[in-house]
N, C-alpha and C. Protein backbone atom coordinates (compact mmCIF):
# COMPACT_ATOMS: atom_id res chain seq x y z
N GLU A 1 -13.76 21.16 17.90
CA GLU A 1 -12.56 21.98 17.98
C GLU A 1 -11.41 21.26 17.29
N ALA A 2 -10.59 22.01 16.56
CA ALA A 2 -9.50 21.43 15.78
C ALA A 2 -8.42 20.85 16.69
N TYR A 3 -7.90 19.70 16.29
CA TYR A 3 -6.83 19.06 17.04
C TYR A 3 -5.57 19.92 16.96
N ASP A 4 -4.98 20.20 18.11
CA ASP A 4 -3.75 20.98 18.19
C ASP A 4 -2.63 20.02 18.58
N PRO A 5 -1.74 19.69 17.63
CA PRO A 5 -0.75 18.66 17.92
C PRO A 5 0.22 19.08 19.01
N PRO A 6 0.64 18.11 19.83
CA PRO A 6 1.59 18.44 20.91
C PRO A 6 2.96 18.78 20.33
N ARG A 7 3.68 19.61 21.06
CA ARG A 7 5.03 20.00 20.64
C ARG A 7 6.04 19.02 21.21
N THR A 8 7.12 18.82 20.49
CA THR A 8 8.24 18.04 21.01
C THR A 8 9.02 18.92 21.99
N ALA A 9 10.07 18.37 22.57
CA ALA A 9 10.89 19.14 23.51
C ALA A 9 11.47 20.39 22.87
N SER A 10 11.73 20.32 21.54
CA SER A 10 12.29 21.48 20.84
C SER A 10 11.21 22.42 20.31
N GLY A 11 9.93 22.06 20.53
CA GLY A 11 8.83 22.90 20.06
C GLY A 11 8.31 22.55 18.69
N SER A 12 8.87 21.51 18.07
CA SER A 12 8.42 21.10 16.74
C SER A 12 7.14 20.26 16.84
N ILE A 13 6.50 20.04 15.69
CA ILE A 13 5.35 19.12 15.60
C ILE A 13 5.60 18.16 14.45
N TRP A 14 4.82 17.08 14.44
CA TRP A 14 4.89 16.09 13.35
C TRP A 14 3.55 16.08 12.60
N ILE A 15 3.64 15.98 11.27
CA ILE A 15 2.47 15.94 10.39
C ILE A 15 2.59 14.72 9.49
N PHE A 16 1.49 13.94 9.37
CA PHE A 16 1.48 12.73 8.53
C PHE A 16 0.86 13.04 7.18
N GLY A 17 1.60 12.74 6.12
CA GLY A 17 1.10 12.91 4.76
C GLY A 17 0.89 11.57 4.09
N TYR A 18 -0.23 11.43 3.38
CA TYR A 18 -0.56 10.16 2.72
C TYR A 18 -1.05 10.38 1.29
N GLY A 19 -1.23 11.63 0.86
CA GLY A 19 -1.68 11.96 -0.49
C GLY A 19 -0.67 12.87 -1.15
N SER A 20 -1.10 14.06 -1.54
CA SER A 20 -0.17 14.99 -2.20
C SER A 20 0.99 15.38 -1.29
N LEU A 21 0.81 15.30 0.03
CA LEU A 21 1.92 15.63 0.92
C LEU A 21 3.07 14.62 0.79
N VAL A 22 2.80 13.44 0.26
CA VAL A 22 3.87 12.46 0.07
C VAL A 22 4.82 12.95 -1.02
N TRP A 23 4.27 13.48 -2.10
CA TRP A 23 5.12 13.88 -3.23
C TRP A 23 5.32 15.38 -3.37
N ARG A 24 4.54 16.17 -2.67
CA ARG A 24 4.70 17.63 -2.76
C ARG A 24 4.27 18.28 -1.45
N PRO A 25 5.11 18.19 -0.42
CA PRO A 25 4.69 18.80 0.85
C PRO A 25 4.56 20.32 0.77
N SER A 26 5.44 21.00 0.04
CA SER A 26 5.36 22.46 -0.18
C SER A 26 5.39 23.27 1.12
N PHE A 27 6.04 22.74 2.13
CA PHE A 27 6.27 23.51 3.35
C PHE A 27 7.63 23.08 3.93
N PRO A 28 8.25 23.96 4.71
CA PRO A 28 9.56 23.62 5.26
C PRO A 28 9.46 22.57 6.37
N PHE A 29 10.39 21.62 6.35
CA PHE A 29 10.44 20.62 7.42
C PHE A 29 11.90 20.30 7.72
N ILE A 30 12.14 19.81 8.93
CA ILE A 30 13.53 19.56 9.34
C ILE A 30 13.90 18.08 9.30
N SER A 31 12.93 17.21 9.31
CA SER A 31 13.21 15.78 9.15
C SER A 31 11.95 15.08 8.70
N LYS A 32 12.10 13.86 8.20
CA LYS A 32 10.93 13.07 7.80
C LYS A 32 11.16 11.60 8.10
N VAL A 33 10.05 10.90 8.32
CA VAL A 33 10.06 9.49 8.67
C VAL A 33 8.98 8.80 7.85
N VAL A 34 9.32 7.70 7.21
CA VAL A 34 8.31 6.88 6.52
C VAL A 34 7.69 5.96 7.56
N GLY A 35 6.36 5.96 7.62
CA GLY A 35 5.68 5.13 8.60
C GLY A 35 4.24 4.88 8.21
N TYR A 36 3.50 4.26 9.11
CA TYR A 36 2.11 3.95 8.80
C TYR A 36 1.21 4.19 10.01
N VAL A 37 -0.07 4.35 9.68
CA VAL A 37 -1.11 4.47 10.70
C VAL A 37 -1.91 3.17 10.70
N LYS A 38 -2.20 2.65 11.88
CA LYS A 38 -3.00 1.43 11.99
C LYS A 38 -4.48 1.78 12.02
N GLY A 39 -5.30 0.91 11.40
CA GLY A 39 -6.74 1.11 11.46
C GLY A 39 -7.27 2.13 10.47
N TRP A 40 -6.51 2.41 9.41
CA TRP A 40 -6.92 3.36 8.37
C TRP A 40 -6.61 2.76 7.00
N LYS A 41 -7.39 3.15 5.99
CA LYS A 41 -7.09 2.78 4.61
C LYS A 41 -7.18 4.02 3.73
N ARG A 42 -6.32 4.07 2.70
CA ARG A 42 -6.27 5.20 1.76
C ARG A 42 -7.22 4.90 0.59
N ARG A 43 -8.12 5.84 0.30
CA ARG A 43 -9.07 5.66 -0.79
C ARG A 43 -9.30 6.97 -1.55
N PHE A 44 -9.51 6.85 -2.86
CA PHE A 44 -9.85 8.00 -3.70
C PHE A 44 -11.35 8.27 -3.62
N TYR A 45 -11.81 8.61 -2.41
CA TYR A 45 -13.24 8.82 -2.17
C TYR A 45 -13.60 10.27 -1.91
N GLN A 46 -12.61 11.15 -1.84
CA GLN A 46 -12.87 12.55 -1.54
C GLN A 46 -12.97 13.37 -2.83
N GLY A 47 -14.04 14.15 -2.95
CA GLY A 47 -14.18 15.05 -4.08
C GLY A 47 -13.26 16.24 -3.95
N SER A 48 -12.81 16.76 -5.07
CA SER A 48 -11.95 17.95 -5.06
C SER A 48 -12.50 18.96 -6.06
N THR A 49 -13.06 20.03 -5.53
CA THR A 49 -13.53 21.12 -6.40
C THR A 49 -12.62 22.34 -6.28
N ASP A 50 -11.59 22.23 -5.43
CA ASP A 50 -10.69 23.37 -5.23
C ASP A 50 -9.28 23.13 -5.76
N HIS A 51 -8.89 21.89 -6.03
CA HIS A 51 -7.53 21.60 -6.52
C HIS A 51 -7.52 20.79 -7.81
N ARG A 52 -8.20 19.64 -7.84
CA ARG A 52 -8.10 18.71 -8.97
C ARG A 52 -9.42 18.53 -9.72
N GLY A 53 -10.34 19.47 -9.48
CA GLY A 53 -11.61 19.49 -10.18
C GLY A 53 -12.24 20.85 -9.94
N VAL A 54 -13.47 21.00 -10.38
CA VAL A 54 -14.18 22.27 -10.20
C VAL A 54 -15.60 21.96 -9.73
N PRO A 55 -16.29 22.95 -9.17
CA PRO A 55 -17.69 22.71 -8.79
C PRO A 55 -18.49 22.20 -9.98
N GLY A 56 -19.27 21.16 -9.75
CA GLY A 56 -20.05 20.54 -10.82
C GLY A 56 -19.30 19.46 -11.56
N ASN A 57 -17.98 19.46 -11.45
CA ASN A 57 -17.15 18.43 -12.08
C ASN A 57 -15.94 18.14 -11.18
N PRO A 58 -16.21 17.54 -10.00
CA PRO A 58 -15.13 17.34 -9.04
C PRO A 58 -14.12 16.29 -9.48
N GLY A 59 -12.88 16.50 -9.09
CA GLY A 59 -11.89 15.45 -9.21
C GLY A 59 -12.00 14.53 -8.00
N ARG A 60 -11.11 13.56 -7.94
CA ARG A 60 -11.07 12.65 -6.80
C ARG A 60 -9.66 12.64 -6.23
N VAL A 61 -9.58 12.81 -4.91
CA VAL A 61 -8.30 12.76 -4.20
C VAL A 61 -8.44 11.80 -3.03
N VAL A 62 -7.32 11.48 -2.40
CA VAL A 62 -7.38 10.47 -1.35
C VAL A 62 -7.75 11.06 0.00
N THR A 63 -8.40 10.23 0.78
CA THR A 63 -8.59 10.46 2.20
C THR A 63 -8.25 9.15 2.89
N LEU A 64 -8.17 9.20 4.21
CA LEU A 64 -8.02 7.98 4.99
C LEU A 64 -9.32 7.70 5.71
N LEU A 65 -9.77 6.47 5.62
CA LEU A 65 -11.00 6.04 6.27
C LEU A 65 -10.68 4.96 7.29
N ARG A 66 -11.47 4.93 8.35
CA ARG A 66 -11.30 3.92 9.40
C ARG A 66 -11.47 2.52 8.83
N SER A 67 -10.65 1.61 9.29
CA SER A 67 -10.68 0.23 8.84
C SER A 67 -10.13 -0.66 9.95
N ASP A 68 -10.84 -1.74 10.24
CA ASP A 68 -10.39 -2.63 11.31
C ASP A 68 -9.10 -3.36 10.97
N THR A 69 -8.90 -3.66 9.69
CA THR A 69 -7.80 -4.56 9.32
C THR A 69 -6.66 -3.89 8.57
N ASP A 70 -6.86 -2.70 8.05
CA ASP A 70 -5.86 -2.09 7.19
C ASP A 70 -4.92 -1.17 7.97
N HIS A 71 -3.84 -0.81 7.29
CA HIS A 71 -3.01 0.30 7.73
C HIS A 71 -2.52 1.03 6.48
N ALA A 72 -2.24 2.30 6.63
CA ALA A 72 -1.87 3.14 5.49
C ALA A 72 -0.48 3.74 5.72
N TRP A 73 0.39 3.54 4.75
CA TRP A 73 1.75 4.08 4.81
C TRP A 73 1.77 5.49 4.25
N GLY A 74 2.71 6.28 4.77
CA GLY A 74 2.91 7.63 4.26
C GLY A 74 4.20 8.19 4.81
N VAL A 75 4.28 9.52 4.82
CA VAL A 75 5.50 10.20 5.27
C VAL A 75 5.14 11.20 6.37
N CYS A 76 5.89 11.15 7.47
CA CYS A 76 5.75 12.12 8.57
C CYS A 76 6.81 13.19 8.42
N TYR A 77 6.38 14.42 8.57
CA TYR A 77 7.29 15.55 8.48
C TYR A 77 7.37 16.26 9.83
N GLU A 78 8.58 16.56 10.26
CA GLU A 78 8.77 17.34 11.48
C GLU A 78 8.94 18.80 11.09
N VAL A 79 8.09 19.65 11.68
CA VAL A 79 8.09 21.08 11.38
C VAL A 79 8.68 21.81 12.59
N ALA A 80 9.68 22.65 12.32
CA ALA A 80 10.37 23.38 13.39
C ALA A 80 9.44 24.35 14.11
N SER A 81 9.73 24.60 15.37
CA SER A 81 8.85 25.41 16.22
C SER A 81 8.54 26.77 15.61
N HIS A 82 9.54 27.43 15.01
CA HIS A 82 9.30 28.78 14.46
C HIS A 82 8.49 28.75 13.17
N GLU A 83 8.28 27.55 12.59
CA GLU A 83 7.51 27.42 11.35
C GLU A 83 6.09 26.89 11.60
N VAL A 84 5.81 26.40 12.82
CA VAL A 84 4.56 25.68 13.08
C VAL A 84 3.32 26.51 12.71
N ASP A 85 3.22 27.73 13.19
CA ASP A 85 2.02 28.54 12.95
C ASP A 85 1.79 28.77 11.47
N ASN A 86 2.85 29.11 10.73
CA ASN A 86 2.72 29.35 9.29
C ASN A 86 2.33 28.07 8.54
N VAL A 87 2.97 26.96 8.91
CA VAL A 87 2.68 25.69 8.22
C VAL A 87 1.24 25.25 8.50
N LEU A 88 0.79 25.36 9.75
CA LEU A 88 -0.58 24.97 10.07
C LEU A 88 -1.59 25.86 9.34
N SER A 89 -1.33 27.16 9.25
CA SER A 89 -2.22 28.06 8.50
C SER A 89 -2.26 27.65 7.04
N TYR A 90 -1.10 27.36 6.48
CA TYR A 90 -1.01 26.93 5.08
C TYR A 90 -1.78 25.63 4.85
N LEU A 91 -1.57 24.64 5.73
CA LEU A 91 -2.25 23.35 5.55
C LEU A 91 -3.75 23.45 5.81
N ASP A 92 -4.15 24.23 6.80
CA ASP A 92 -5.59 24.41 7.04
C ASP A 92 -6.26 24.97 5.79
N TYR A 93 -5.58 25.87 5.08
CA TYR A 93 -6.13 26.43 3.84
C TYR A 93 -6.06 25.40 2.71
N ARG A 94 -4.91 24.76 2.55
CA ARG A 94 -4.73 23.78 1.48
C ARG A 94 -5.73 22.64 1.60
N GLU A 95 -6.03 22.24 2.82
CA GLU A 95 -6.91 21.09 3.06
C GLU A 95 -8.34 21.52 3.42
N LYS A 96 -8.71 22.72 3.02
CA LYS A 96 -10.02 23.27 3.41
C LYS A 96 -11.20 22.54 2.77
N GLY A 97 -10.97 21.81 1.69
CA GLY A 97 -12.06 21.17 0.98
C GLY A 97 -12.56 19.91 1.64
N GLY A 98 -12.99 20.01 2.90
CA GLY A 98 -13.61 18.87 3.57
C GLY A 98 -12.73 18.15 4.56
N TYR A 99 -11.48 18.56 4.68
CA TYR A 99 -10.56 17.87 5.58
C TYR A 99 -10.58 18.49 6.97
N THR A 100 -10.43 17.63 7.98
CA THR A 100 -10.36 18.09 9.36
C THR A 100 -9.12 17.47 10.01
N ARG A 101 -8.69 18.08 11.10
CA ARG A 101 -7.51 17.58 11.81
C ARG A 101 -7.87 16.39 12.69
N ALA A 102 -6.97 15.43 12.75
CA ALA A 102 -7.13 14.28 13.65
C ALA A 102 -5.76 13.94 14.24
N GLU A 103 -5.78 13.14 15.29
CA GLU A 103 -4.55 12.71 15.97
C GLU A 103 -4.31 11.24 15.69
N VAL A 104 -3.07 10.90 15.32
CA VAL A 104 -2.72 9.50 15.07
C VAL A 104 -1.35 9.19 15.66
N ASP A 105 -1.13 7.89 15.89
CA ASP A 105 0.18 7.38 16.24
C ASP A 105 0.79 6.78 14.98
N ILE A 106 2.10 6.91 14.83
CA ILE A 106 2.80 6.43 13.65
C ILE A 106 3.69 5.26 14.04
N PHE A 107 3.64 4.22 13.22
CA PHE A 107 4.45 3.02 13.41
C PHE A 107 5.43 2.89 12.25
N THR A 108 6.54 2.24 12.51
CA THR A 108 7.50 1.93 11.45
C THR A 108 7.84 0.45 11.53
N ASN A 109 8.56 -0.04 10.54
CA ASN A 109 8.98 -1.44 10.59
C ASN A 109 9.87 -1.72 11.79
N GLU A 110 10.56 -0.69 12.24
CA GLU A 110 11.48 -0.85 13.36
C GLU A 110 10.81 -0.64 14.73
N SER A 111 9.55 -0.18 14.75
CA SER A 111 8.97 0.23 16.04
C SER A 111 8.42 -0.92 16.89
N SER A 112 8.52 -2.13 16.41
CA SER A 112 8.19 -3.36 17.17
C SER A 112 6.94 -3.25 18.05
N GLY A 113 5.84 -2.87 17.44
CA GLY A 113 4.56 -2.86 18.15
C GLY A 113 4.26 -1.59 18.90
N GLU A 114 5.25 -0.83 19.30
CA GLU A 114 5.02 0.45 19.98
C GLU A 114 5.07 1.58 18.95
N PRO A 115 4.25 2.62 19.12
CA PRO A 115 4.32 3.73 18.17
C PRO A 115 5.71 4.37 18.12
N HIS A 116 6.14 4.69 16.92
CA HIS A 116 7.41 5.41 16.74
C HIS A 116 7.22 6.89 17.10
N LEU A 117 6.02 7.41 16.75
CA LEU A 117 5.66 8.80 17.06
C LEU A 117 4.22 8.82 17.56
N ARG A 118 3.95 9.63 18.57
CA ARG A 118 2.60 9.77 19.11
C ARG A 118 2.09 11.19 18.89
N GLY A 119 0.76 11.33 18.79
CA GLY A 119 0.15 12.65 18.70
C GLY A 119 0.45 13.37 17.40
N VAL A 120 0.61 12.62 16.31
CA VAL A 120 0.93 13.20 15.01
C VAL A 120 -0.35 13.77 14.38
N LEU A 121 -0.20 14.90 13.71
CA LEU A 121 -1.34 15.55 13.06
C LEU A 121 -1.63 14.90 11.71
N LEU A 122 -2.90 14.60 11.49
CA LEU A 122 -3.38 14.01 10.25
C LEU A 122 -4.56 14.84 9.77
N TYR A 123 -4.59 15.14 8.48
CA TYR A 123 -5.79 15.76 7.88
C TYR A 123 -6.56 14.65 7.18
N THR A 124 -7.82 14.46 7.59
CA THR A 124 -8.64 13.43 6.98
C THR A 124 -10.01 14.00 6.62
N ALA A 125 -10.57 13.46 5.55
CA ALA A 125 -11.91 13.87 5.12
C ALA A 125 -12.87 12.74 5.45
N THR A 126 -13.78 12.99 6.36
CA THR A 126 -14.73 11.95 6.78
C THR A 126 -15.90 11.88 5.81
N GLU A 127 -16.68 10.82 5.98
CA GLU A 127 -17.85 10.61 5.12
C GLU A 127 -18.89 11.72 5.28
N GLU A 128 -18.82 12.47 6.37
CA GLU A 128 -19.84 13.50 6.65
C GLU A 128 -19.58 14.81 5.92
N ASN A 129 -18.38 15.02 5.35
CA ASN A 129 -18.09 16.32 4.75
C ASN A 129 -18.78 16.46 3.39
N PRO A 130 -19.16 17.68 3.00
CA PRO A 130 -19.96 17.86 1.78
C PRO A 130 -19.26 17.50 0.48
N GLU A 131 -17.94 17.42 0.48
CA GLU A 131 -17.20 17.07 -0.75
C GLU A 131 -17.00 15.56 -0.91
N TYR A 132 -17.38 14.78 0.11
CA TYR A 132 -17.14 13.34 0.08
C TYR A 132 -17.96 12.67 -1.01
N LEU A 133 -17.30 11.90 -1.89
CA LEU A 133 -17.98 11.19 -2.97
C LEU A 133 -18.21 9.72 -2.66
N GLY A 134 -17.32 9.13 -1.87
CA GLY A 134 -17.51 7.74 -1.47
C GLY A 134 -17.09 6.75 -2.53
N PRO A 135 -17.39 5.47 -2.25
CA PRO A 135 -16.98 4.41 -3.16
C PRO A 135 -17.75 4.45 -4.47
N ALA A 136 -17.12 3.87 -5.48
CA ALA A 136 -17.72 3.71 -6.81
C ALA A 136 -16.93 2.60 -7.48
N PRO A 137 -17.44 2.05 -8.59
CA PRO A 137 -16.64 1.05 -9.31
C PRO A 137 -15.29 1.65 -9.71
N MET A 138 -14.23 0.85 -9.67
CA MET A 138 -12.89 1.35 -10.00
C MET A 138 -12.84 1.97 -11.40
N GLU A 139 -13.58 1.38 -12.32
CA GLU A 139 -13.63 1.92 -13.68
C GLU A 139 -14.17 3.36 -13.68
N SER A 140 -15.20 3.61 -12.88
CA SER A 140 -15.80 4.95 -12.80
C SER A 140 -14.85 5.94 -12.13
N ILE A 141 -14.18 5.50 -11.05
CA ILE A 141 -13.22 6.38 -10.36
C ILE A 141 -12.08 6.74 -11.32
N ALA A 142 -11.57 5.74 -12.03
CA ALA A 142 -10.47 5.98 -12.97
C ALA A 142 -10.90 6.96 -14.06
N ASP A 143 -12.10 6.80 -14.59
CA ASP A 143 -12.59 7.69 -15.64
C ASP A 143 -12.74 9.12 -15.13
N GLN A 144 -13.25 9.25 -13.91
CA GLN A 144 -13.41 10.58 -13.31
C GLN A 144 -12.04 11.25 -13.11
N ILE A 145 -11.06 10.49 -12.63
CA ILE A 145 -9.71 11.02 -12.45
C ILE A 145 -9.11 11.40 -13.80
N PHE A 146 -9.30 10.57 -14.79
CA PHE A 146 -8.79 10.82 -16.15
C PHE A 146 -9.34 12.12 -16.73
N ARG A 147 -10.63 12.39 -16.50
CA ARG A 147 -11.29 13.55 -17.11
C ARG A 147 -11.12 14.85 -16.33
N SER A 148 -10.87 14.77 -15.02
CA SER A 148 -10.95 15.96 -14.17
C SER A 148 -9.69 16.82 -14.19
N VAL A 149 -9.93 18.13 -14.17
CA VAL A 149 -8.85 19.13 -14.10
C VAL A 149 -9.34 20.25 -13.19
N GLY A 150 -8.42 20.80 -12.38
CA GLY A 150 -8.79 21.91 -11.50
C GLY A 150 -7.66 22.92 -11.42
N PRO A 151 -7.79 23.89 -10.54
CA PRO A 151 -6.78 24.95 -10.41
C PRO A 151 -5.36 24.44 -10.14
N SER A 152 -5.22 23.27 -9.51
CA SER A 152 -3.88 22.73 -9.23
C SER A 152 -3.38 21.80 -10.34
N GLY A 153 -4.20 21.60 -11.38
CA GLY A 153 -3.77 20.76 -12.50
C GLY A 153 -4.66 19.55 -12.71
N LYS A 154 -4.15 18.65 -13.55
CA LYS A 154 -4.90 17.45 -13.92
C LYS A 154 -4.99 16.50 -12.73
N ASN A 155 -6.17 15.92 -12.57
CA ASN A 155 -6.38 14.92 -11.52
C ASN A 155 -5.48 13.70 -11.76
N SER A 156 -5.26 13.35 -13.03
CA SER A 156 -4.40 12.21 -13.35
C SER A 156 -2.97 12.44 -12.85
N GLU A 157 -2.49 13.69 -12.90
CA GLU A 157 -1.16 13.99 -12.38
C GLU A 157 -1.08 13.66 -10.89
N TYR A 158 -2.09 14.05 -10.13
CA TYR A 158 -2.14 13.77 -8.69
C TYR A 158 -2.01 12.27 -8.45
N LEU A 159 -2.81 11.47 -9.15
CA LEU A 159 -2.78 10.02 -9.00
C LEU A 159 -1.41 9.45 -9.38
N LEU A 160 -0.90 9.83 -10.55
CA LEU A 160 0.34 9.24 -11.05
C LEU A 160 1.54 9.64 -10.19
N GLU A 161 1.56 10.88 -9.72
CA GLU A 161 2.65 11.32 -8.84
C GLU A 161 2.60 10.60 -7.49
N LEU A 162 1.38 10.40 -6.97
CA LEU A 162 1.24 9.67 -5.72
C LEU A 162 1.73 8.23 -5.89
N ALA A 163 1.29 7.56 -6.95
CA ALA A 163 1.71 6.17 -7.19
C ALA A 163 3.22 6.08 -7.33
N LYS A 164 3.82 7.00 -8.08
CA LYS A 164 5.27 7.01 -8.27
C LYS A 164 6.00 7.19 -6.94
N ALA A 165 5.52 8.12 -6.12
CA ALA A 165 6.15 8.38 -4.83
C ALA A 165 6.02 7.18 -3.89
N LEU A 166 4.84 6.55 -3.86
CA LEU A 166 4.66 5.37 -3.01
C LEU A 166 5.60 4.24 -3.44
N LYS A 167 5.73 4.02 -4.75
CA LYS A 167 6.63 2.97 -5.25
C LYS A 167 8.07 3.29 -4.89
N ALA A 168 8.47 4.56 -5.01
CA ALA A 168 9.85 4.95 -4.69
C ALA A 168 10.16 4.69 -3.21
N LEU A 169 9.15 4.76 -2.36
CA LEU A 169 9.32 4.50 -0.93
C LEU A 169 9.15 3.02 -0.59
N GLY A 170 8.82 2.20 -1.58
CA GLY A 170 8.62 0.77 -1.34
C GLY A 170 7.29 0.46 -0.69
N ILE A 171 6.31 1.34 -0.86
CA ILE A 171 5.00 1.19 -0.23
C ILE A 171 4.03 0.53 -1.21
N GLN A 172 3.35 -0.52 -0.76
CA GLN A 172 2.34 -1.20 -1.57
C GLN A 172 0.96 -0.61 -1.28
N ASP A 173 0.20 -0.32 -2.31
CA ASP A 173 -1.17 0.16 -2.13
C ASP A 173 -1.99 -0.28 -3.34
N GLU A 174 -2.72 -1.38 -3.19
CA GLU A 174 -3.46 -1.97 -4.32
C GLU A 174 -4.48 -1.00 -4.91
N HIS A 175 -5.18 -0.25 -4.06
CA HIS A 175 -6.20 0.69 -4.53
C HIS A 175 -5.57 1.74 -5.44
N VAL A 176 -4.49 2.35 -5.00
CA VAL A 176 -3.81 3.39 -5.79
C VAL A 176 -3.22 2.79 -7.06
N PHE A 177 -2.58 1.63 -6.96
CA PHE A 177 -1.89 1.07 -8.12
C PHE A 177 -2.88 0.54 -9.16
N GLU A 178 -4.03 0.05 -8.72
CA GLU A 178 -5.04 -0.37 -9.72
C GLU A 178 -5.56 0.85 -10.48
N LEU A 179 -5.82 1.94 -9.76
CA LEU A 179 -6.27 3.16 -10.44
C LEU A 179 -5.18 3.72 -11.36
N GLU A 180 -3.93 3.66 -10.92
CA GLU A 180 -2.83 4.11 -11.76
C GLU A 180 -2.82 3.33 -13.08
N SER A 181 -2.94 2.02 -13.01
CA SER A 181 -2.93 1.18 -14.20
C SER A 181 -4.10 1.52 -15.13
N ARG A 182 -5.29 1.70 -14.55
CA ARG A 182 -6.47 2.03 -15.36
C ARG A 182 -6.34 3.40 -16.03
N VAL A 183 -5.85 4.38 -15.29
CA VAL A 183 -5.72 5.73 -15.85
C VAL A 183 -4.60 5.76 -16.90
N GLN A 184 -3.51 5.04 -16.68
CA GLN A 184 -2.46 4.99 -17.70
C GLN A 184 -2.99 4.41 -19.01
N LYS A 185 -3.85 3.40 -18.91
CA LYS A 185 -4.44 2.82 -20.13
C LYS A 185 -5.32 3.86 -20.84
N LEU A 186 -6.10 4.61 -20.09
CA LEU A 186 -6.93 5.66 -20.69
C LEU A 186 -6.06 6.73 -21.35
N LEU A 187 -4.95 7.08 -20.73
CA LEU A 187 -4.04 8.08 -21.30
C LEU A 187 -3.39 7.56 -22.58
N GLU A 188 -3.07 6.26 -22.60
CA GLU A 188 -2.46 5.66 -23.80
C GLU A 188 -3.46 5.64 -24.95
N VAL A 189 -4.71 5.31 -24.66
CA VAL A 189 -5.75 5.31 -25.70
C VAL A 189 -5.92 6.72 -26.26
N LYS A 190 -5.92 7.72 -25.37
CA LYS A 190 -6.08 9.11 -25.80
C LYS A 190 -4.91 9.53 -26.68
N SER A 191 -3.68 9.16 -26.32
CA SER A 191 -2.51 9.58 -27.10
C SER A 191 -2.44 8.84 -28.45
N ASP A 192 -3.05 7.64 -28.51
CA ASP A 192 -3.08 6.89 -29.78
C ASP A 192 -4.10 7.43 -30.76
N SER A 193 -5.13 8.13 -30.23
CA SER A 193 -6.22 8.57 -31.13
C SER A 193 -5.94 9.92 -31.75
């Protein structure tokens, strides 16, 4: 059964974004908080045949995977009570390609060990979903991102916009930034030829 996030006193909910929601939430929100989830890592291991690739030639987008030592930074959005049903319907559709709802606590630099927000909604794609591609050499992931295009545009745009947004927020992510560097080199070679 899908996780139904708890409402705040005003009836709002919180949603954690770590991929395209960082740079393009595309839904109304009343406030946002930069924070992180403990015990998760962001990886370009999820296949995308509905947004950044097509069936038979999937793109790669990020998911969060369980990790004992890592934490993943992103942006939490507060959605007003009168918008919750519409936003959840929109996100359930947008994230239909293998993503499921999960519950997380959000920490910030100021939260001193205690969660800043509890019961936050997270969409994550687990290893069990049919679109999951899993790990591969970074060179192969970068090449796949460089080549893939889907109904929402170029896969490279997704990567580069995510990297730009993370940097603007002061967030470090070696996995994303290494792929950004590799894909930028491929784009430079293409523009030189």
